[in-house]
Amino acid sequence: MVLEQGGRVEGNLNSDGTMPGVAEIGYHQLHIANTELTLAVAPHQCYTPADASGKTAPKLWGLATQLYALRRPGDGGIGDALALEHCVTQAANQGADAVAISPTHAMFSADPERYSPYSPSTRLLYNVLYSAAENLFGEARVDEAQARNGLQAELRRLEANDFLDWPEAARAKLSWLRYLYDDFMAREDNAAQALRQDMQAFRRAGATYWKIIAASKPYREK
């Protein structure tokens, strides 16, 4: 059995054809002979306000939002982590205890037409469209990446739309994110080198994830 988080468990069925219980929560791939099944293991109960607060009968309140619907200047038409930070800060200032958001799982970068957050490509990774590169590289480098791709006018148009144009906004953001990545990989300053070391460590830590993701579904390259 391949666990959702990347581990593997091997064993045999009992004499009556049953198997021992699985304690780890998640969607796991169970292989029995030539048959592959998805095994869903759920917690005993949902996460409750009491779990969050540590109190028996807490009186809490919060709000819910679709992350992609949040807005901030410079978001390119898609709500992102920085817009969420602004939302959470304002909610906290009003005394809110929680903010619930829509799923943030990875989508299909090679196919922007598939954009429902409730049908992700994998739950092991995050959606890069929600990233706020300004927090990592600064606004100047983000502005340069957008300008080099000739996207500034298009991004302003997307920001001005009343509704989110998922495919076009995704293509625009992925375009300048790829430029930003190439620029980051080519830089030799100390900050860039330190970040690349962090990135390599992240890749090594998730090596099993990448193999599972690559084997579990096809990716279309453009």
C-alpha atoms as a PDB file:
ATOM      1  CA  MET A   1       0.000   0.000   0.000  1.00  0.00           C
ATOM      2  CA  VAL A   2       1.304   3.444  -0.951  1.00  0.00           C
ATOM      3  CA  LEU A   3       0.271   6.055   1.604  1.00  0.00           C
ATOM      4  CA  GLU A   4      -0.855   9.499   0.520  1.00  0.00           C
ATOM      5  CA  GLN A   5       2.115  11.141   2.225  1.00  0.00           C
ATOM      6  CA  GLY A   6       4.552   8.896   0.366  1.00  0.00           C
ATOM      7  CA  GLY A   7       5.234   6.001   2.731  1.00  0.00           C
ATOM      8  CA  ARG A   8       4.782   2.342   1.863  1.00  0.00           C
ATOM      9  CA  VAL A   9       3.261  -0.480   3.921  1.00  0.00           C
ATOM     10  CA  GLU A  10       3.588  -4.156   2.987  1.00  0.00           C
ATOM     11  CA  GLY A  11       1.721  -7.091   4.441  1.00  0.00           C
ATOM     12  CA  ASN A  12      -0.612 -10.014   3.814  1.00  0.00           C
ATOM     13  CA  LEU A  13      -4.360 -10.439   4.035  1.00  0.00           C
ATOM     14  CA  ASN A  14      -5.726 -12.388   6.955  1.00  0.00           C
ATOM     15  CA  SER A  15      -7.036 -15.923   6.424  1.00  0.00           C
ATOM     16  CA  ASP A  16     -10.583 -14.571   6.051  1.00  0.00           C
ATOM     17  CA  GLY A  17      -9.530 -12.107   3.338  1.00  0.00           C
ATOM     18  CA  THR A  18      -9.502  -9.046   5.589  1.00  0.00           C
ATOM     19  CA  MET A  19      -6.586  -6.756   6.338  1.00  0.00           C
ATOM     20  CA  PRO A  20      -5.457  -4.982   9.496  1.00  0.00           C
ATOM     21  CA  GLY A  21      -6.838  -1.505  10.066  1.00  0.00           C
ATOM     22  CA  VAL A  22      -4.962   1.512   8.731  1.00  0.00           C
ATOM     23  CA  ALA A  23      -4.446   4.311  11.233  1.00  0.00           C
ATOM     24  CA  GLU A  24      -2.973   6.979   8.948  1.00  0.00           C
ATOM     25  CA  ILE A  25      -5.631   9.357   7.616  1.00  0.00           C
ATOM     26  CA  GLY A  26      -5.694  10.034   3.879  1.00  0.00           C
ATOM     27  CA  TYR A  27      -6.288   8.545   0.442  1.00  0.00           C
ATOM     28  CA  HIS A  28      -3.990   5.560  -0.025  1.00  0.00           C
ATOM     29  CA  GLN A  29      -3.378   3.256  -3.000  1.00  0.00           C
ATOM     30  CA  LEU A  30      -3.893  -0.385  -2.060  1.00  0.00           C
ATOM     31  CA  HIS A  31      -2.350  -3.042  -4.328  1.00  0.00           C
ATOM     32  CA  ILE A  32      -3.606  -6.631  -4.004  1.00  0.00           C
ATOM     33  CA  ALA A  33      -2.255  -8.988  -6.670  1.00  0.00           C
ATOM     34  CA  ASN A  34      -3.171  -7.289  -9.964  1.00  0.00           C
ATOM     35  CA  THR A  35      -5.843  -5.072  -8.430  1.00  0.00           C
ATOM     36  CA  GLU A  36      -5.358  -1.463  -7.344  1.00  0.00           C
ATOM     37  CA  LEU A  37      -7.877   0.223  -5.051  1.00  0.00           C
ATOM     38  CA  THR A  38      -8.128   3.641  -3.437  1.00  0.00           C
ATOM     39  CA  LEU A  39      -8.475   3.311   0.321  1.00  0.00           C
ATOM     40  CA  ALA A  40      -9.938   6.350   2.098  1.00  0.00           C
ATOM     41  CA  VAL A  41      -9.222   6.580   5.830  1.00  0.00           C
ATOM     42  CA  ALA A  42     -11.177   9.282   7.665  1.00  0.00           C
ATOM     43  CA  PRO A  43     -10.739  10.632  11.203  1.00  0.00           C
ATOM     44  CA  HIS A  44     -13.240   9.612  13.876  1.00  0.00           C
ATOM     45  CA  GLN A  45     -14.797  13.084  13.803  1.00  0.00           C
ATOM     46  CA  CYS A  46     -14.389  16.470  12.164  1.00  0.00           C
ATOM     47  CA  TYR A  47     -12.081  19.086  13.624  1.00  0.00           C
ATOM     48  CA  THR A  48     -14.229  21.039  16.082  1.00  0.00           C
ATOM     49  CA  PRO A  49     -14.117  24.517  17.653  1.00  0.00           C
ATOM     50  CA  ALA A  50     -13.234  22.792  20.921  1.00  0.00           C
ATOM     51  CA  ASP A  51     -10.191  21.205  19.239  1.00  0.00           C
ATOM     52  CA  ALA A  52      -9.112  24.597  17.884  1.00  0.00           C
ATOM     53  CA  SER A  53      -9.536  26.524  21.120  1.00  0.00           C
ATOM     54  CA  GLY A  54      -8.779  23.924  23.768  1.00  0.00           C
ATOM     55  CA  LYS A  55     -12.021  24.893  25.505  1.00  0.00           C
ATOM     56  CA  THR A  56     -15.000  22.642  26.194  1.00  0.00           C
ATOM     57  CA  ALA A  57     -17.730  25.035  25.039  1.00  0.00           C
ATOM     58  CA  PRO A  58     -16.046  27.886  23.175  1.00  0.00           C
ATOM     59  CA  LYS A  59     -17.892  30.867  21.755  1.00  0.00           C
ATOM     60  CA  LEU A  60     -16.068  31.611  18.539  1.00  0.00           C
ATOM     61  CA  TRP A  61     -16.902  33.278  15.256  1.00  0.00           C
ATOM     62  CA  GLY A  62     -15.283  33.499  11.889  1.00  0.00           C
ATOM     63  CA  LEU A  63     -15.889  34.016   8.207  1.00  0.00           C
ATOM     64  CA  ALA A  64     -15.450  32.030   5.015  1.00  0.00           C
ATOM     65  CA  THR A  65     -14.085  33.198   1.684  1.00  0.00           C
ATOM     66  CA  GLN A  66     -13.094  31.836  -1.692  1.00  0.00           C
ATOM     67  CA  LEU A  67      -9.377  32.583  -1.859  1.00  0.00           C
ATOM     68  CA  TYR A  68      -9.382  33.275  -5.594  1.00  0.00           C
ATOM     69  CA  ALA A  69     -12.145  35.885  -5.128  1.00  0.00           C
ATOM     70  CA  LEU A  70     -10.087  38.089  -2.799  1.00  0.00           C
ATOM     71  CA  ARG A  71      -8.610  41.186  -4.371  1.00  0.00           C
ATOM     72  CA  ARG A  72      -5.593  43.420  -3.895  1.00  0.00           C
ATOM     73  CA  PRO A  73      -3.718  45.817  -6.189  1.00  0.00           C
ATOM     74  CA  GLY A  74      -1.302  43.884  -8.382  1.00  0.00           C
ATOM     75  CA  ASP A  75      -2.884  40.441  -8.007  1.00  0.00           C
ATOM     76  CA  GLY A  76      -3.313  39.943 -11.757  1.00  0.00           C
ATOM     77  CA  GLY A  77      -6.964  38.994 -11.387  1.00  0.00           C
ATOM     78  CA  ILE A  78      -6.537  36.044  -8.996  1.00  0.00           C
ATOM     79  CA  GLY A  79      -6.670  36.277  -5.214  1.00  0.00           C
ATOM     80  CA  ASP A  80      -3.407  35.072  -3.684  1.00  0.00           C
ATOM     81  CA  ALA A  81      -1.613  34.482  -0.397  1.00  0.00           C
ATOM     82  CA  LEU A  82      -0.919  38.182   0.081  1.00  0.00           C
ATOM     83  CA  ALA A  83      -4.587  39.057  -0.431  1.00  0.00           C
ATOM     84  CA  LEU A  84      -5.423  36.350   2.101  1.00  0.00           C
ATOM     85  CA  GLU A  85      -2.951  37.860   4.559  1.00  0.00           C
ATOM     86  CA  HIS A  86      -4.723  41.212   4.239  1.00  0.00           C
ATOM     87  CA  CYS A  87      -8.114  39.540   4.720  1.00  0.00           C
ATOM     88  CA  VAL A  88      -7.012  37.586   7.789  1.00  0.00           C
ATOM     89  CA  THR A  89      -5.420  40.657   9.345  1.00  0.00           C
ATOM     90  CA  GLN A  90      -8.592  42.696   8.912  1.00  0.00           C
ATOM     91  CA  ALA A  91     -10.725  39.852  10.268  1.00  0.00           C
ATOM     92  CA  ALA A  92      -8.468  39.499  13.311  1.00  0.00           C
ATOM     93  CA  ASN A  93      -8.674  43.234  13.940  1.00  0.00           C
ATOM     94  CA  GLN A  94     -12.451  42.821  14.150  1.00  0.00           C
ATOM     95  CA  GLY A  95     -12.113  39.991  16.664  1.00  0.00           C
ATOM     96  CA  ALA A  96     -12.632  37.010  14.354  1.00  0.00           C
ATOM     97  CA  ASP A  97     -11.323  33.670  15.596  1.00  0.00           C
ATOM     98  CA  ALA A  98     -11.064  31.896  12.248  1.00  0.00           C
ATOM     99  CA  VAL A  99     -11.111  32.323   8.482  1.00  0.00           C
ATOM    100  CA  ALA A 100     -12.136  29.368   6.319  1.00  0.00           C
ATOM    101  CA  ILE A 101     -10.889  29.338   2.730  1.00  0.00           C
ATOM    102  CA  SER A 102     -11.449  27.316  -0.418  1.00  0.00           C
ATOM    103  CA  PRO A 103      -9.038  24.446  -1.233  1.00  0.00           C
ATOM    104  CA  THR A 104      -5.501  25.439  -2.216  1.00  0.00           C
ATOM    105  CA  HIS A 105      -4.342  22.165  -3.789  1.00  0.00           C
ATOM    106  CA  ALA A 106      -2.297  21.979  -6.983  1.00  0.00           C
ATOM    107  CA  MET A 107      -4.163  22.241 -10.268  1.00  0.00           C
ATOM    108  CA  PHE A 108      -3.123  21.562 -13.882  1.00  0.00           C
ATOM    109  CA  SER A 109      -0.525  24.101 -14.993  1.00  0.00           C
ATOM    110  CA  ALA A 110      -0.431  22.618 -18.498  1.00  0.00           C
ATOM    111  CA  ASP A 111      -4.223  22.865 -18.805  1.00  0.00           C
ATOM    112  CA  PRO A 112      -5.560  26.147 -17.317  1.00  0.00           C
ATOM    113  CA  GLU A 113      -9.076  25.252 -18.476  1.00  0.00           C
ATOM    114  CA  ARG A 114      -9.246  22.789 -15.571  1.00  0.00           C
ATOM    115  CA  TYR A 115      -9.493  25.215 -12.688  1.00  0.00           C
ATOM    116  CA  SER A 116     -12.020  23.952 -10.141  1.00  0.00           C
ATOM    117  CA  PRO A 117     -10.309  23.979  -6.721  1.00  0.00           C
ATOM    118  CA  TYR A 118     -12.479  21.005  -5.803  1.00  0.00           C
ATOM    119  CA  SER A 119     -10.968  18.785  -8.521  1.00  0.00           C
ATOM    120  CA  PRO A 120      -7.193  19.166  -8.016  1.00  0.00           C
ATOM    121  CA  SER A 121      -4.414  17.254  -9.718  1.00  0.00           C
ATOM    122  CA  THR A 122      -2.982  16.319  -6.310  1.00  0.00           C
ATOM    123  CA  ARG A 123      -3.530  17.189  -2.664  1.00  0.00           C
ATOM    124  CA  LEU A 124       0.178  16.837  -1.880  1.00  0.00           C
ATOM    125  CA  LEU A 125       1.134  20.223  -3.349  1.00  0.00           C
ATOM    126  CA  TYR A 126      -0.244  23.753  -3.449  1.00  0.00           C
ATOM    127  CA  ASN A 127      -1.641  25.758  -6.353  1.00  0.00           C
ATOM    128  CA  VAL A 128       1.156  28.015  -7.632  1.00  0.00           C
ATOM    129  CA  LEU A 129      -1.422  30.552  -8.820  1.00  0.00           C
ATOM    130  CA  TYR A 130      -2.056  31.446  -5.183  1.00  0.00           C
ATOM    131  CA  SER A 131       1.601  32.252  -4.574  1.00  0.00           C
ATOM    132  CA  ALA A 132       2.610  35.832  -3.802  1.00  0.00           C
ATOM    133  CA  ALA A 133       6.111  36.042  -5.240  1.00  0.00           C
ATOM    134  CA  GLU A 134       6.466  39.594  -3.937  1.00  0.00           C
ATOM    135  CA  ASN A 135       6.881  38.189  -0.436  1.00  0.00           C
ATOM    136  CA  LEU A 136       9.937  36.209  -1.537  1.00  0.00           C
ATOM    137  CA  PHE A 137      11.574  38.240  -4.304  1.00  0.00           C
ATOM    138  CA  GLY A 138      10.233  41.741  -3.720  1.00  0.00           C
ATOM    139  CA  GLU A 139       7.932  43.882  -5.846  1.00  0.00           C
ATOM    140  CA  ALA A 140      10.727  45.187  -8.090  1.00  0.00           C
ATOM    141  CA  ARG A 141      11.638  41.740  -9.451  1.00  0.00           C
ATOM    142  CA  VAL A 142       7.989  40.811  -9.909  1.00  0.00           C
ATOM    143  CA  ASP A 143       7.361  44.049 -11.817  1.00  0.00           C
ATOM    144  CA  GLU A 144      10.394  43.321 -13.995  1.00  0.00           C
ATOM    145  CA  ALA A 145       9.188  39.788 -14.741  1.00  0.00           C
ATOM    146  CA  GLN A 146       5.772  41.088 -15.764  1.00  0.00           C
ATOM    147  CA  ALA A 147       7.271  43.863 -17.900  1.00  0.00           C
ATOM    148  CA  ARG A 148       9.721  41.526 -19.662  1.00  0.00           C
ATOM    149  CA  ASN A 149       6.765  39.357 -20.658  1.00  0.00           C
ATOM    150  CA  GLY A 150       4.775  42.370 -21.878  1.00  0.00           C
ATOM    151  CA  LEU A 151       1.993  41.513 -19.448  1.00  0.00           C
ATOM    152  CA  GLN A 152       1.440  44.676 -17.453  1.00  0.00           C
ATOM    153  CA  ALA A 153      -1.503  45.932 -19.533  1.00  0.00           C
ATOM    154  CA  GLU A 154      -3.063  42.461 -19.643  1.00  0.00           C
ATOM    155  CA  LEU A 155      -2.705  42.038 -15.883  1.00  0.00           C
ATOM    156  CA  ARG A 156      -4.365  45.394 -15.241  1.00  0.00           C
ATOM    157  CA  ARG A 157      -7.218  44.343 -17.549  1.00  0.00           C
ATOM    158  CA  LEU A 158      -7.663  41.075 -15.684  1.00  0.00           C
ATOM    159  CA  GLU A 159      -7.650  42.891 -12.352  1.00  0.00           C
ATOM    160  CA  ALA A 160     -10.389  45.236 -13.568  1.00  0.00           C
ATOM    161  CA  ASN A 161     -12.736  42.398 -14.579  1.00  0.00           C
ATOM    162  CA  ASP A 162     -15.828  41.906 -12.450  1.00  0.00           C
ATOM    163  CA  PHE A 163     -15.405  38.145 -12.752  1.00  0.00           C
ATOM    164  CA  LEU A 164     -12.319  35.946 -12.608  1.00  0.00           C
ATOM    165  CA  ASP A 165     -11.107  34.764 -16.016  1.00  0.00           C
ATOM    166  CA  TRP A 166      -9.366  31.623 -14.785  1.00  0.00           C
ATOM    167  CA  PRO A 167      -7.713  30.439 -18.030  1.00  0.00           C
ATOM    168  CA  GLU A 168      -6.359  33.841 -19.093  1.00  0.00           C
ATOM    169  CA  ALA A 169      -5.304  34.898 -15.598  1.00  0.00           C
ATOM    170  CA  ALA A 170      -3.577  31.541 -15.103  1.00  0.00           C
ATOM    171  CA  ARG A 171      -1.672  31.759 -18.395  1.00  0.00           C
ATOM    172  CA  ALA A 172      -0.515  35.288 -17.611  1.00  0.00           C
ATOM    173  CA  LYS A 173       0.673  34.480 -14.110  1.00  0.00           C
ATOM    174  CA  LEU A 174       2.395  31.243 -15.104  1.00  0.00           C
ATOM    175  CA  SER A 175       4.236  33.150 -17.831  1.00  0.00           C
ATOM    176  CA  TRP A 176       5.852  35.670 -15.514  1.00  0.00           C
ATOM    177  CA  LEU A 177       6.383  33.088 -12.766  1.00  0.00           C
ATOM    178  CA  ARG A 178       8.458  31.018 -15.217  1.00  0.00           C
ATOM    179  CA  TYR A 179      10.536  34.091 -16.089  1.00  0.00           C
ATOM    180  CA  LEU A 180      10.999  34.843 -12.394  1.00  0.00           C
ATOM    181  CA  TYR A 181      12.164  31.268 -11.807  1.00  0.00           C
ATOM    182  CA  ASP A 182      14.696  31.412 -14.651  1.00  0.00           C
ATOM    183  CA  ASP A 183      16.006  34.729 -13.332  1.00  0.00           C
ATOM    184  CA  PHE A 184      16.249  33.296  -9.824  1.00  0.00           C
ATOM    185  CA  MET A 185      18.193  30.246 -11.019  1.00  0.00           C
ATOM    186  CA  ALA A 186      20.651  32.448 -12.933  1.00  0.00           C
ATOM    187  CA  ARG A 187      21.409  34.833 -10.078  1.00  0.00           C
ATOM    188  CA  GLU A 188      24.625  34.408  -8.089  1.00  0.00           C
ATOM    189  CA  ASP A 189      24.021  36.751  -5.151  1.00  0.00           C
ATOM    190  CA  ASN A 190      24.066  35.335  -1.629  1.00  0.00           C
ATOM    191  CA  ALA A 191      20.311  35.629  -1.148  1.00  0.00           C
ATOM    192  CA  ALA A 192      19.575  33.656  -4.322  1.00  0.00           C
ATOM    193  CA  GLN A 193      22.119  30.974  -3.449  1.00  0.00           C
ATOM    194  CA  ALA A 194      20.605  30.552   0.010  1.00  0.00           C
ATOM    195  CA  LEU A 195      17.120  30.237  -1.470  1.00  0.00           C
ATOM    196  CA  ARG A 196      18.326  27.656  -3.986  1.00  0.00           C
ATOM    197  CA  GLN A 197      19.741  25.587  -1.138  1.00  0.00           C
ATOM    198  CA  ASP A 198      16.347  25.732   0.570  1.00  0.00           C
ATOM    199  CA  MET A 199      14.677  24.695  -2.676  1.00  0.00           C
ATOM    200  CA  GLN A 200      17.008  21.724  -3.134  1.00  0.00           C
ATOM    201  CA  ALA A 201      16.328  20.624   0.438  1.00  0.00           C
ATOM    202  CA  PHE A 202      12.592  20.863  -0.265  1.00  0.00           C
ATOM    203  CA  ARG A 203      13.005  18.753  -3.395  1.00  0.00           C
ATOM    204  CA  ARG A 204      14.984  16.096  -1.559  1.00  0.00           C
ATOM    205  CA  ALA A 205      12.447  15.964   1.269  1.00  0.00           C
ATOM    206  CA  GLY A 206       9.620  15.484  -1.225  1.00  0.00           C
ATOM    207  CA  ALA A 207      11.381  13.082  -3.592  1.00  0.00           C
ATOM    208  CA  THR A 208       8.846  10.344  -2.894  1.00  0.00           C
ATOM    209  CA  TYR A 209       5.964  12.733  -3.592  1.00  0.00           C
ATOM    210  CA  TRP A 210       7.285  13.637  -7.037  1.00  0.00           C
ATOM    211  CA  LYS A 211       7.536   9.965  -8.018  1.00  0.00           C
ATOM    212  CA  ILE A 212       3.995   9.239  -6.856  1.00  0.00           C
ATOM    213  CA  ILE A 213       2.567  12.276  -8.638  1.00  0.00           C
ATOM    214  CA  ALA A 214       4.418  11.519 -11.869  1.00  0.00           C
ATOM    215  CA  ALA A 215       3.266   7.898 -11.838  1.00  0.00           C
ATOM    216  CA  SER A 216      -0.342   8.522 -10.833  1.00  0.00           C
ATOM    217  CA  LYS A 217      -1.440  10.853 -13.628  1.00  0.00           C
ATOM    218  CA  PRO A 218      -0.213  12.082 -17.004  1.00  0.00           C
ATOM    219  CA  TYR A 219       1.030  15.628 -17.484  1.00  0.00           C
ATOM    220  CA  ARG A 220       0.616  17.400 -20.773  1.00  0.00           C
ATOM    221  CA  GLU A 221       3.543  19.593 -21.756  1.00  0.00           C
ATOM    222  CA  LYS A 222       3.184  22.582 -24.000  1.00  0.00           C
END
